[in-house]
Amino acid sequence: GARFTRRAAELSPEGCTVELALDQGILLGGSRTAALCEVEVEH
Protein backbone atom coordinates (compact mmCIF):
# COMPACT_ATOMS: atom_id res chain seq x y z
CA GLY A 1 0.00 0.00 0.00
CA ALA A 2 0.80 3.67 0.33
CA ARG A 3 -0.07 6.60 2.57
CA PHE A 4 0.49 10.09 1.24
CA THR A 5 -0.76 13.63 0.91
CA ARG A 6 -1.65 14.83 -2.57
CA ARG A 7 -1.73 18.48 -3.56
CA ALA A 8 -3.60 18.60 -6.87
CA ALA A 9 -4.30 21.39 -9.32
CA GLU A 10 -6.25 21.45 -12.57
CA LEU A 11 -4.30 23.51 -15.08
CA SER A 12 -5.03 24.57 -18.65
CA PRO A 13 -1.81 25.00 -20.61
CA GLU A 14 -2.23 25.68 -24.31
CA GLY A 15 -4.22 22.96 -26.05
CA CYS A 16 -5.20 20.80 -23.09
CA THR A 17 -6.30 20.44 -19.50
CA VAL A 18 -4.17 18.46 -17.04
CA GLU A 19 -4.10 17.58 -13.37
CA LEU A 20 -0.80 18.32 -11.69
CA ALA A 21 -0.40 16.18 -8.55
CA LEU A 22 2.33 16.59 -5.94
CA ASP A 23 2.49 13.41 -3.80
CA GLN A 24 4.49 12.98 -0.60
CA GLY A 25 4.32 10.18 1.98
CA ILE A 26 5.37 6.52 2.26
CA LEU A 27 5.08 3.26 0.37
CA LEU A 28 4.22 0.16 2.42
CA GLY A 29 5.31 -3.43 1.75
CA GLY A 30 4.79 -5.74 4.71
CA SER A 31 6.63 -4.10 7.59
CA ARG A 32 8.92 -2.21 5.20
CA THR A 33 8.47 1.39 4.16
CA ALA A 34 10.07 3.72 1.63
CA ALA A 35 9.74 7.44 1.09
CA LEU A 36 7.32 8.54 -1.62
CA CYS A 37 7.89 11.90 -3.30
CA GLU A 38 6.72 12.35 -6.87
CA VAL A 39 4.98 14.51 -9.45
CA GLU A 40 2.22 13.33 -11.78
CA VAL A 41 0.87 15.15 -14.82
CA GLU A 42 -2.39 13.52 -15.97
CA HIS A 43 -4.09 14.41 -19.23
ModelCIF file with pLDDT and N, C-alpha, C, O atoms, coordinates in Angstrom:
data_MODEL
#
_entry.id   MODEL 
#
_entity.id                         1 
_entity.type                       polymer 
_entity.pdbx_number_of_molecules   1 
#
_entity_poly.entity_id                      1 
_entity_poly.type                           'polypeptide(L)' 
_entity_poly.nstd_linkage                   no 
_entity_poly.nstd_monomer                   no 
_entity_poly.pdbx_seq_one_letter_code       GARFTRRAAELSPEGCTVELALDQGILLGGSRTAALCEVEVEH 
_entity_poly.pdbx_seq_one_letter_code_can   GARFTRRAAELSPEGCTVELALDQGILLGGSRTAALCEVEVEH 
_entity_poly.pdbx_strand_id                 A 
#
loop_
_entity_poly_seq.entity_id 
_entity_poly_seq.num 
_entity_poly_seq.mon_id 
_entity_poly_seq.hetero 
1 1  GLY n 
1 2  ALA n 
1 3  ARG n 
1 4  PHE n 
1 5  THR n 
1 6  ARG n 
1 7  ARG n 
1 8  ALA n 
1 9  ALA n 
1 10 GLU n 
1 11 LEU n 
1 12 SER n 
1 13 PRO n 
1 14 GLU n 
1 15 GLY n 
1 16 CYS n 
1 17 THR n 
1 18 VAL n 
1 19 GLU n 
1 20 LEU n 
1 21 ALA n 
1 22 LEU n 
1 23 ASP n 
1 24 GLN n 
1 25 GLY n 
1 26 ILE n 
1 27 LEU n 
1 28 LEU n 
1 29 GLY n 
1 30 GLY n 
1 31 SER n 
1 32 ARG n 
1 33 THR n 
1 34 ALA n 
1 35 ALA n 
1 36 LEU n 
1 37 CYS n 
1 38 GLU n 
1 39 VAL n 
1 40 GLU n 
1 41 VAL n 
1 42 GLU n 
1 43 HIS n 
#
_struct_asym.id          A 
_struct_asym.entity_id   1 
#
loop_
_ma_qa_metric.id 
_ma_qa_metric.mode 
_ma_qa_metric.name 
_ma_qa_metric.software_group_id 
_ma_qa_metric.type 
1 global pLDDT . pLDDT 
2 local  pLDDT . pLDDT 
#
_ma_qa_metric_global.metric_id      1 
_ma_qa_metric_global.metric_value   96.91 
_ma_qa_metric_global.model_id       1 
_ma_qa_metric_global.ordinal_id     1 
#
loop_
_ma_qa_metric_local.label_asym_id 
_ma_qa_metric_local.label_comp_id 
_ma_qa_metric_local.label_seq_id 
_ma_qa_metric_local.metric_id 
_ma_qa_metric_local.metric_value 
_ma_qa_metric_local.model_id 
_ma_qa_metric_local.ordinal_id 
A GLY 1  2 97.00 1 1  
A ALA 2  2 98.00 1 2  
A ARG 3  2 98.00 1 3  
A PHE 4  2 98.00 1 4  
A THR 5  2 98.00 1 5  
A ARG 6  2 98.00 1 6  
A ARG 7  2 98.00 1 7  
A ALA 8  2 98.00 1 8  
A ALA 9  2 98.00 1 9  
A GLU 10 2 97.00 1 10 
A LEU 11 2 97.00 1 11 
A SER 12 2 97.00 1 12 
A PRO 13 2 96.00 1 13 
A GLU 14 2 95.00 1 14 
A GLY 15 2 97.00 1 15 
A CYS 16 2 98.00 1 16 
A THR 17 2 98.00 1 17 
A VAL 18 2 98.00 1 18 
A GLU 19 2 98.00 1 19 
A LEU 20 2 98.00 1 20 
A ALA 21 2 98.00 1 21 
A LEU 22 2 98.00 1 22 
A ASP 23 2 98.00 1 23 
A GLN 24 2 98.00 1 24 
A GLY 25 2 98.00 1 25 
A ILE 26 2 98.00 1 26 
A LEU 27 2 98.00 1 27 
A LEU 28 2 97.00 1 28 
A GLY 29 2 94.00 1 29 
A GLY 30 2 87.00 1 30 
A SER 31 2 90.00 1 31 
A ARG 32 2 94.00 1 32 
A THR 33 2 96.00 1 33 
A ALA 34 2 97.00 1 34 
A ALA 35 2 97.00 1 35 
A LEU 36 2 98.00 1 36 
A CYS 37 2 98.00 1 37 
A GLU 38 2 98.00 1 38 
A VAL 39 2 98.00 1 39 
A GLU 40 2 98.00 1 40 
A VAL 41 2 98.00 1 41 
A GLU 42 2 96.00 1 42 
A HIS 43 2 95.00 1 43 
#
loop_
_atom_site.group_PDB 
_atom_site.id 
_atom_site.type_symbol 
_atom_site.label_atom_id 
_atom_site.label_alt_id 
_atom_site.label_comp_id 
_atom_site.label_asym_id 
_atom_site.label_entity_id 
_atom_site.label_seq_id 
_atom_site.pdbx_PDB_ins_code 
_atom_site.Cartn_x 
_atom_site.Cartn_y 
_atom_site.Cartn_z 
_atom_site.occupancy 
_atom_site.B_iso_or_equiv 
_atom_site.pdbx_formal_charge 
_atom_site.auth_seq_id 
_atom_site.auth_comp_id 
_atom_site.auth_asym_id 
_atom_site.auth_atom_id 
_atom_site.pdbx_PDB_model_num 
ATOM 1   N N  . GLY A 1 1  ? 0.801  -1.215 0.000   1.00 97.00 ? 1  GLY A N  1 
ATOM 2   C CA . GLY A 1 1  ? 0.000  0.000  0.000   1.00 97.00 ? 1  GLY A CA 1 
ATOM 3   C C  . GLY A 1 1  ? 0.834  1.265  0.000   1.00 97.00 ? 1  GLY A C  1 
ATOM 4   O O  . GLY A 1 1  ? 2.042  1.246  -0.237  1.00 97.00 ? 1  GLY A O  1 
ATOM 5   N N  . ALA A 1 2  ? 0.150  2.363  0.273   1.00 98.00 ? 2  ALA A N  1 
ATOM 6   C CA . ALA A 1 2  ? 0.797  3.671  0.331   1.00 98.00 ? 2  ALA A CA 1 
ATOM 7   C C  . ALA A 1 2  ? -0.055 4.606  1.170   1.00 98.00 ? 2  ALA A C  1 
ATOM 8   O O  . ALA A 1 2  ? -1.282 4.500  1.193   1.00 98.00 ? 2  ALA A O  1 
ATOM 9   N N  . ARG A 1 3  ? 0.608  5.518  1.854   1.00 98.00 ? 3  ARG A N  1 
ATOM 10  C CA . ARG A 1 3  ? -0.070 6.604  2.572   1.00 98.00 ? 3  ARG A CA 1 
ATOM 11  C C  . ARG A 1 3  ? 0.622  7.896  2.179   1.00 98.00 ? 3  ARG A C  1 
ATOM 12  O O  . ARG A 1 3  ? 1.838  8.022  2.325   1.00 98.00 ? 3  ARG A O  1 
ATOM 13  N N  . PHE A 1 4  ? -0.146 8.854  1.682   1.00 98.00 ? 4  PHE A N  1 
ATOM 14  C CA . PHE A 1 4  ? 0.486  10.087 1.237   1.00 98.00 ? 4  PHE A CA 1 
ATOM 15  C C  . PHE A 1 4  ? -0.516 11.232 1.186   1.00 98.00 ? 4  PHE A C  1 
ATOM 16  O O  . PHE A 1 4  ? -1.731 11.034 1.213   1.00 98.00 ? 4  PHE A O  1 
ATOM 17  N N  . THR A 1 5  ? 0.033  12.418 1.112   1.00 98.00 ? 5  THR A N  1 
ATOM 18  C CA . THR A 1 5  ? -0.763 13.628 0.908   1.00 98.00 ? 5  THR A CA 1 
ATOM 19  C C  . THR A 1 5  ? -0.573 14.068 -0.535  1.00 98.00 ? 5  THR A C  1 
ATOM 20  O O  . THR A 1 5  ? 0.550  14.148 -1.033  1.00 98.00 ? 5  THR A O  1 
ATOM 21  N N  . ARG A 1 6  ? -1.678 14.349 -1.190  1.00 98.00 ? 6  ARG A N  1 
ATOM 22  C CA . ARG A 1 6  ? -1.646 14.835 -2.574  1.00 98.00 ? 6  ARG A CA 1 
ATOM 23  C C  . ARG A 1 6  ? -2.117 16.282 -2.617  1.00 98.00 ? 6  ARG A C  1 
ATOM 24  O O  . ARG A 1 6  ? -3.190 16.622 -2.117  1.00 98.00 ? 6  ARG A O  1 
ATOM 25  N N  . ARG A 1 7  ? -1.290 17.123 -3.225  1.00 98.00 ? 7  ARG A N  1 
ATOM 26  C CA . ARG A 1 7  ? -1.727 18.479 -3.565  1.00 98.00 ? 7  ARG A CA 1 
ATOM 27  C C  . ARG A 1 7  ? -1.967 18.484 -5.068  1.00 98.00 ? 7  ARG A C  1 
ATOM 28  O O  . ARG A 1 7  ? -1.043 18.271 -5.854  1.00 98.00 ? 7  ARG A O  1 
ATOM 29  N N  . ALA A 1 8  ? -3.216 18.730 -5.463  1.00 98.00 ? 8  ALA A N  1 
ATOM 30  C CA . ALA A 1 8  ? -3.597 18.599 -6.873  1.00 98.00 ? 8  ALA A CA 1 
ATOM 31  C C  . ALA A 1 8  ? -4.148 19.910 -7.403  1.00 98.00 ? 8  ALA A C  1 
ATOM 32  O O  . ALA A 1 8  ? -4.839 20.650 -6.703  1.00 98.00 ? 8  ALA A O  1 
ATOM 33  N N  . ALA A 1 9  ? -3.820 20.173 -8.660  1.00 98.00 ? 9  ALA A N  1 
ATOM 34  C CA . ALA A 1 9  ? -4.300 21.393 -9.320  1.00 98.00 ? 9  ALA A CA 1 
ATOM 35  C C  . ALA A 1 9  ? -4.709 21.063 -10.741 1.00 98.00 ? 9  ALA A C  1 
ATOM 36  O O  . ALA A 1 9  ? -3.990 20.354 -11.445 1.00 98.00 ? 9  ALA A O  1 
ATOM 37  N N  . GLU A 1 10 ? -5.854 21.570 -11.171 1.00 97.00 ? 10 GLU A N  1 
ATOM 38  C CA . GLU A 1 10 ? -6.249 21.448 -12.572 1.00 97.00 ? 10 GLU A CA 1 
ATOM 39  C C  . GLU A 1 10 ? -5.740 22.676 -13.312 1.00 97.00 ? 10 GLU A C  1 
ATOM 40  O O  . GLU A 1 10 ? -6.066 23.811 -12.964 1.00 97.00 ? 10 GLU A O  1 
ATOM 41  N N  . LEU A 1 11 ? -4.941 22.430 -14.330 1.00 97.00 ? 11 LEU A N  1 
ATOM 42  C CA . LEU A 1 11 ? -4.303 23.507 -15.077 1.00 97.00 ? 11 LEU A CA 1 
ATOM 43  C C  . LEU A 1 11 ? -4.692 23.413 -16.540 1.00 97.00 ? 11 LEU A C  1 
ATOM 44  O O  . LEU A 1 11 ? -5.025 22.334 -17.032 1.00 97.00 ? 11 LEU A O  1 
ATOM 45  N N  . SER A 1 12 ? -4.651 24.538 -17.233 1.00 97.00 ? 12 SER A N  1 
ATOM 46  C CA . SER A 1 12 ? -5.028 24.573 -18.650 1.00 97.00 ? 12 SER A CA 1 
ATOM 47  C C  . SER A 1 12 ? -3.929 25.222 -19.484 1.00 97.00 ? 12 SER A C  1 
ATOM 48  O O  . SER A 1 12 ? -4.084 26.348 -19.955 1.00 97.00 ? 12 SER A O  1 
ATOM 49  N N  . PRO A 1 13 ? -2.808 24.503 -19.667 1.00 96.00 ? 13 PRO A N  1 
ATOM 50  C CA . PRO A 1 13 ? -1.814 25.001 -20.608 1.00 96.00 ? 13 PRO A CA 1 
ATOM 51  C C  . PRO A 1 13 ? -2.392 24.980 -22.019 1.00 96.00 ? 13 PRO A C  1 
ATOM 52  O O  . PRO A 1 13 ? -3.469 24.424 -22.238 1.00 96.00 ? 13 PRO A O  1 
ATOM 53  N N  . GLU A 1 14 ? -1.701 25.569 -22.961 1.00 95.00 ? 14 GLU A N  1 
ATOM 54  C CA . GLU A 1 14 ? -2.235 25.684 -24.314 1.00 95.00 ? 14 GLU A CA 1 
ATOM 55  C C  . GLU A 1 14 ? -2.561 24.313 -24.901 1.00 95.00 ? 14 GLU A C  1 
ATOM 56  O O  . GLU A 1 14 ? -1.706 23.429 -24.959 1.00 95.00 ? 14 GLU A O  1 
ATOM 57  N N  . GLY A 1 15 ? -3.807 24.151 -25.333 1.00 97.00 ? 15 GLY A N  1 
ATOM 58  C CA . GLY A 1 15 ? -4.216 22.958 -26.054 1.00 97.00 ? 15 GLY A CA 1 
ATOM 59  C C  . GLY A 1 15 ? -4.736 21.809 -25.222 1.00 97.00 ? 15 GLY A C  1 
ATOM 60  O O  . GLY A 1 15 ? -5.113 20.780 -25.782 1.00 97.00 ? 15 GLY A O  1 
ATOM 61  N N  . CYS A 1 16 ? -4.771 21.942 -23.905 1.00 98.00 ? 16 CYS A N  1 
ATOM 62  C CA . CYS A 1 16 ? -5.201 20.797 -23.091 1.00 98.00 ? 16 CYS A CA 1 
ATOM 63  C C  . CYS A 1 16 ? -5.548 21.236 -21.677 1.00 98.00 ? 16 CYS A C  1 
ATOM 64  O O  . CYS A 1 16 ? -5.306 22.375 -21.278 1.00 98.00 ? 16 CYS A O  1 
ATOM 65  N N  . THR A 1 17 ? -6.119 20.305 -20.937 1.00 98.00 ? 17 THR A N  1 
ATOM 66  C CA . THR A 1 17 ? -6.303 20.444 -19.497 1.00 98.00 ? 17 THR A CA 1 
ATOM 67  C C  . THR A 1 17 ? -5.621 19.261 -18.835 1.00 98.00 ? 17 THR A C  1 
ATOM 68  O O  . THR A 1 17 ? -5.764 18.127 -19.291 1.00 98.00 ? 17 THR A O  1 
ATOM 69  N N  . VAL A 1 18 ? -4.878 19.516 -17.762 1.00 98.00 ? 18 VAL A N  1 
ATOM 70  C CA . VAL A 1 18 ? -4.168 18.457 -17.044 1.00 98.00 ? 18 VAL A CA 1 
ATOM 71  C C  . VAL A 1 18 ? -4.413 18.599 -15.549 1.00 98.00 ? 18 VAL A C  1 
ATOM 72  O O  . VAL A 1 18 ? -4.798 19.664 -15.067 1.00 98.00 ? 18 VAL A O  1 
ATOM 73  N N  . GLU A 1 19 ? -4.182 17.508 -14.822 1.00 98.00 ? 19 GLU A N  1 
ATOM 74  C CA . GLU A 1 19 ? -4.098 17.580 -13.367 1.00 98.00 ? 19 GLU A CA 1 
ATOM 75  C C  . GLU A 1 19 ? -2.641 17.422 -12.982 1.00 98.00 ? 19 GLU A C  1 
ATOM 76  O O  . GLU A 1 19 ? -1.991 16.441 -13.343 1.00 98.00 ? 19 GLU A O  1 
ATOM 77  N N  . LEU A 1 20 ? -2.140 18.393 -12.248 1.00 98.00 ? 20 LEU A N  1 
ATOM 78  C CA . LEU A 1 20 ? -0.800 18.318 -11.689 1.00 98.00 ? 20 LEU A CA 1 
ATOM 79  C C  . LEU A 1 20 ? -0.935 17.869 -10.246 1.00 98.00 ? 20 LEU A C  1 
ATOM 80  O O  . LEU A 1 20 ? -1.595 18.535 -9.449  1.00 98.00 ? 20 LEU A O  1 
ATOM 81  N N  . ALA A 1 21 ? -0.311 16.734 -9.898  1.00 98.00 ? 21 ALA A N  1 
ATOM 82  C CA . ALA A 1 21 ? -0.402 16.176 -8.546  1.00 98.00 ? 21 ALA A CA 1 
ATOM 83  C C  . ALA A 1 21 ? 0.983  16.109 -7.926  1.00 98.00 ? 21 ALA A C  1 
ATOM 84  O O  . ALA A 1 21 ? 1.925  15.604 -8.536  1.00 98.00 ? 21 ALA A O  1 
ATOM 85  N N  . LEU A 1 22 ? 1.094  16.618 -6.719  1.00 98.00 ? 22 LEU A N  1 
ATOM 86  C CA . LEU A 1 22 ? 2.332  16.585 -5.945  1.00 98.00 ? 22 LEU A CA 1 
ATOM 87  C C  . LEU A 1 22 ? 2.096  15.644 -4.771  1.00 98.00 ? 22 LEU A C  1 
ATOM 88  O O  . LEU A 1 22 ? 1.339  15.972 -3.857  1.00 98.00 ? 22 LEU A O  1 
ATOM 89  N N  . ASP A 1 23 ? 2.738  14.472 -4.788  1.00 98.00 ? 23 ASP A N  1 
ATOM 90  C CA . ASP A 1 23 ? 2.487  13.415 -3.800  1.00 98.00 ? 23 ASP A CA 1 
ATOM 91  C C  . ASP A 1 23 ? 3.687  13.235 -2.877  1.00 98.00 ? 23 ASP A C  1 
ATOM 92  O O  . ASP A 1 23 ? 4.827  13.132 -3.328  1.00 98.00 ? 23 ASP A O  1 
ATOM 93  N N  . GLN A 1 24 ? 3.403  13.201 -1.565  1.00 98.00 ? 24 GLN A N  1 
ATOM 94  C CA . GLN A 1 24 ? 4.488  12.985 -0.598  1.00 98.00 ? 24 GLN A CA 1 
ATOM 95  C C  . GLN A 1 24 ? 3.974  12.135 0.552   1.00 98.00 ? 24 GLN A C  1 
ATOM 96  O O  . GLN A 1 24 ? 2.929  12.432 1.131   1.00 98.00 ? 24 GLN A O  1 
ATOM 97  N N  . GLY A 1 25 ? 4.716  11.066 0.888   1.00 98.00 ? 25 GLY A N  1 
ATOM 98  C CA . GLY A 1 25 ? 4.323  10.177 1.978   1.00 98.00 ? 25 GLY A CA 1 
ATOM 99  C C  . GLY A 1 25 ? 5.206  8.956  2.008   1.00 98.00 ? 25 GLY A C  1 
ATOM 100 O O  . GLY A 1 25 ? 6.426  9.063  1.878   1.00 98.00 ? 25 GLY A O  1 
ATOM 101 N N  . ILE A 1 26 ? 4.588  7.765  2.184   1.00 98.00 ? 26 ILE A N  1 
ATOM 102 C CA . ILE A 1 26 ? 5.369  6.525  2.259   1.00 98.00 ? 26 ILE A CA 1 
ATOM 103 C C  . ILE A 1 26 ? 4.689  5.413  1.461   1.00 98.00 ? 26 ILE A C  1 
ATOM 104 O O  . ILE A 1 26 ? 3.467  5.375  1.314   1.00 98.00 ? 26 ILE A O  1 
ATOM 105 N N  . LEU A 1 27 ? 5.532  4.511  0.951   1.00 98.00 ? 27 LEU A N  1 
ATOM 106 C CA . LEU A 1 27 ? 5.084  3.258  0.368   1.00 98.00 ? 27 LEU A CA 1 
ATOM 107 C C  . LEU A 1 27 ? 5.190  2.184  1.430   1.00 98.00 ? 27 LEU A C  1 
ATOM 108 O O  . LEU A 1 27 ? 6.078  2.244  2.281   1.00 98.00 ? 27 LEU A O  1 
ATOM 109 N N  . LEU A 1 28 ? 4.290  1.188  1.397   1.00 97.00 ? 28 LEU A N  1 
ATOM 110 C CA . LEU A 1 28 ? 4.215  0.160  2.424   1.00 97.00 ? 28 LEU A CA 1 
ATOM 111 C C  . LEU A 1 28 ? 4.267  -1.219 1.777   1.00 97.00 ? 28 LEU A C  1 
ATOM 112 O O  . LEU A 1 28 ? 3.463  -1.531 0.899   1.00 97.00 ? 28 LEU A O  1 
ATOM 113 N N  . GLY A 1 29 ? 5.220  -2.046 2.218   1.00 94.00 ? 29 GLY A N  1 
ATOM 114 C CA . GLY A 1 29 ? 5.312  -3.426 1.746   1.00 94.00 ? 29 GLY A CA 1 
ATOM 115 C C  . GLY A 1 29 ? 5.617  -4.323 2.916   1.00 94.00 ? 29 GLY A C  1 
ATOM 116 O O  . GLY A 1 29 ? 6.771  -4.416 3.334   1.00 94.00 ? 29 GLY A O  1 
ATOM 117 N N  . GLY A 1 30 ? 4.600  -4.994 3.466   1.00 87.00 ? 30 GLY A N  1 
ATOM 118 C CA . GLY A 1 30 ? 4.785  -5.740 4.709   1.00 87.00 ? 30 GLY A CA 1 
ATOM 119 C C  . GLY A 1 30 ? 5.123  -4.766 5.821   1.00 87.00 ? 30 GLY A C  1 
ATOM 120 O O  . GLY A 1 30 ? 4.411  -3.784 6.029   1.00 87.00 ? 30 GLY A O  1 
ATOM 121 N N  . SER A 1 31 ? 6.207  -5.032 6.536   1.00 90.00 ? 31 SER A N  1 
ATOM 122 C CA . SER A 1 31 ? 6.633  -4.103 7.595   1.00 90.00 ? 31 SER A CA 1 
ATOM 123 C C  . SER A 1 31 ? 7.633  -3.068 7.071   1.00 90.00 ? 31 SER A C  1 
ATOM 124 O O  . SER A 1 31 ? 8.116  -2.230 7.832   1.00 90.00 ? 31 SER A O  1 
ATOM 125 N N  . ARG A 1 32 ? 7.939  -3.126 5.787   1.00 94.00 ? 32 ARG A N  1 
ATOM 126 C CA . ARG A 1 32 ? 8.924  -2.206 5.205   1.00 94.00 ? 32 ARG A CA 1 
ATOM 127 C C  . ARG A 1 32 ? 8.243  -0.967 4.644   1.00 94.00 ? 32 ARG A C  1 
ATOM 128 O O  . ARG A 1 32 ? 7.107  -1.012 4.172   1.00 94.00 ? 32 ARG A O  1 
ATOM 129 N N  . THR A 1 33 ? 8.967  0.131  4.712   1.00 96.00 ? 33 THR A N  1 
ATOM 130 C CA . THR A 1 33 ? 8.468  1.386  4.159   1.00 96.00 ? 33 THR A CA 1 
ATOM 131 C C  . THR A 1 33 ? 9.566  2.046  3.326   1.00 96.00 ? 33 THR A C  1 
ATOM 132 O O  . THR A 1 33 ? 10.754 1.770  3.492   1.00 96.00 ? 33 THR A O  1 
ATOM 133 N N  . ALA A 1 34 ? 9.133  2.921  2.431   1.00 97.00 ? 34 ALA A N  1 
ATOM 134 C CA . ALA A 1 34 ? 10.066 3.721  1.633   1.00 97.00 ? 34 ALA A CA 1 
ATOM 135 C C  . ALA A 1 34 ? 9.424  5.077  1.394   1.00 97.00 ? 34 ALA A C  1 
ATOM 136 O O  . ALA A 1 34 ? 8.203  5.187  1.275   1.00 97.00 ? 34 ALA A O  1 
ATOM 137 N N  . ALA A 1 35 ? 10.249 6.095  1.324   1.00 97.00 ? 35 ALA A N  1 
ATOM 138 C CA . ALA A 1 35 ? 9.737  7.443  1.093   1.00 97.00 ? 35 ALA A CA 1 
ATOM 139 C C  . ALA A 1 35 ? 9.093  7.524  -0.292  1.00 97.00 ? 35 ALA A C  1 
ATOM 140 O O  . ALA A 1 35 ? 9.569  6.922  -1.255  1.00 97.00 ? 35 ALA A O  1 
ATOM 141 N N  . LEU A 1 36 ? 8.015  8.273  -0.362  1.00 98.00 ? 36 LEU A N  1 
ATOM 142 C CA . LEU A 1 36 ? 7.318  8.544  -1.621  1.00 98.00 ? 36 LEU A CA 1 
ATOM 143 C C  . LEU A 1 36 ? 7.314  10.047 -1.841  1.00 98.00 ? 36 LEU A C  1 
ATOM 144 O O  . LEU A 1 36 ? 6.828  10.803 -0.999  1.00 98.00 ? 36 LEU A O  1 
ATOM 145 N N  . CYS A 1 37 ? 7.854  10.478 -2.966  1.00 98.00 ? 37 CYS A N  1 
ATOM 146 C CA . CYS A 1 37 ? 7.892  11.900 -3.297  1.00 98.00 ? 37 CYS A CA 1 
ATOM 147 C C  . CYS A 1 37 ? 7.912  11.991 -4.820  1.00 98.00 ? 37 CYS A C  1 
ATOM 148 O O  . CYS A 1 37 ? 8.938  11.722 -5.444  1.00 98.00 ? 37 CYS A O  1 
ATOM 149 N N  . GLU A 1 38 ? 6.786  12.367 -5.420  1.00 98.00 ? 38 GLU A N  1 
ATOM 150 C CA . GLU A 1 38 ? 6.722  12.352 -6.873  1.00 98.00 ? 38 GLU A CA 1 
ATOM 151 C C  . GLU A 1 38 ? 5.715  13.362 -7.412  1.00 98.00 ? 38 GLU A C  1 
ATOM 152 O O  . GLU A 1 38 ? 4.883  13.907 -6.687  1.00 98.00 ? 38 GLU A O  1 
ATOM 153 N N  . VAL A 1 39 ? 5.832  13.584 -8.715  1.00 98.00 ? 39 VAL A N  1 
ATOM 154 C CA . VAL A 1 39 ? 4.976  14.508 -9.454  1.00 98.00 ? 39 VAL A CA 1 
ATOM 155 C C  . VAL A 1 39 ? 4.269  13.716 -10.547 1.00 98.00 ? 39 VAL A C  1 
ATOM 156 O O  . VAL A 1 39 ? 4.894  12.927 -11.256 1.00 98.00 ? 39 VAL A O  1 
ATOM 157 N N  . GLU A 1 40 ? 2.963  13.931 -10.678 1.00 98.00 ? 40 GLU A N  1 
ATOM 158 C CA . GLU A 1 40 ? 2.219  13.327 -11.778 1.00 98.00 ? 40 GLU A CA 1 
ATOM 159 C C  . GLU A 1 40 ? 1.559  14.429 -12.606 1.00 98.00 ? 40 GLU A C  1 
ATOM 160 O O  . GLU A 1 40 ? 1.021  15.392 -12.060 1.00 98.00 ? 40 GLU A O  1 
ATOM 161 N N  . VAL A 1 41 ? 1.606  14.276 -13.910 1.00 98.00 ? 41 VAL A N  1 
ATOM 162 C CA . VAL A 1 41 ? 0.867  15.148 -14.820 1.00 98.00 ? 41 VAL A CA 1 
ATOM 163 C C  . VAL A 1 41 ? -0.078 14.244 -15.593 1.00 98.00 ? 41 VAL A C  1 
ATOM 164 O O  . VAL A 1 41 ? 0.363  13.433 -16.408 1.00 98.00 ? 41 VAL A O  1 
ATOM 165 N N  . GLU A 1 42 ? -1.383 14.379 -15.342 1.00 96.00 ? 42 GLU A N  1 
ATOM 166 C CA . GLU A 1 42 ? -2.386 13.518 -15.973 1.00 96.00 ? 42 GLU A CA 1 
ATOM 167 C C  . GLU A 1 42 ? -3.211 14.307 -16.973 1.00 96.00 ? 42 GLU A C  1 
ATOM 168 O O  . GLU A 1 42 ? -3.772 15.353 -16.645 1.00 96.00 ? 42 GLU A O  1 
ATOM 169 N N  . HIS A 1 43 ? -3.280 13.803 -18.182 1.00 95.00 ? 43 HIS A N  1 
ATOM 170 C CA . HIS A 1 43 ? -4.095 14.409 -19.234 1.00 95.00 ? 43 HIS A CA 1 
ATOM 171 C C  . HIS A 1 43 ? -5.572 14.262 -18.879 1.00 95.00 ? 43 HIS A C  1 
ATOM 172 O O  . HIS A 1 43 ? -6.436 14.706 -19.636 1.00 95.00 ? 43 HIS A O  1 
#
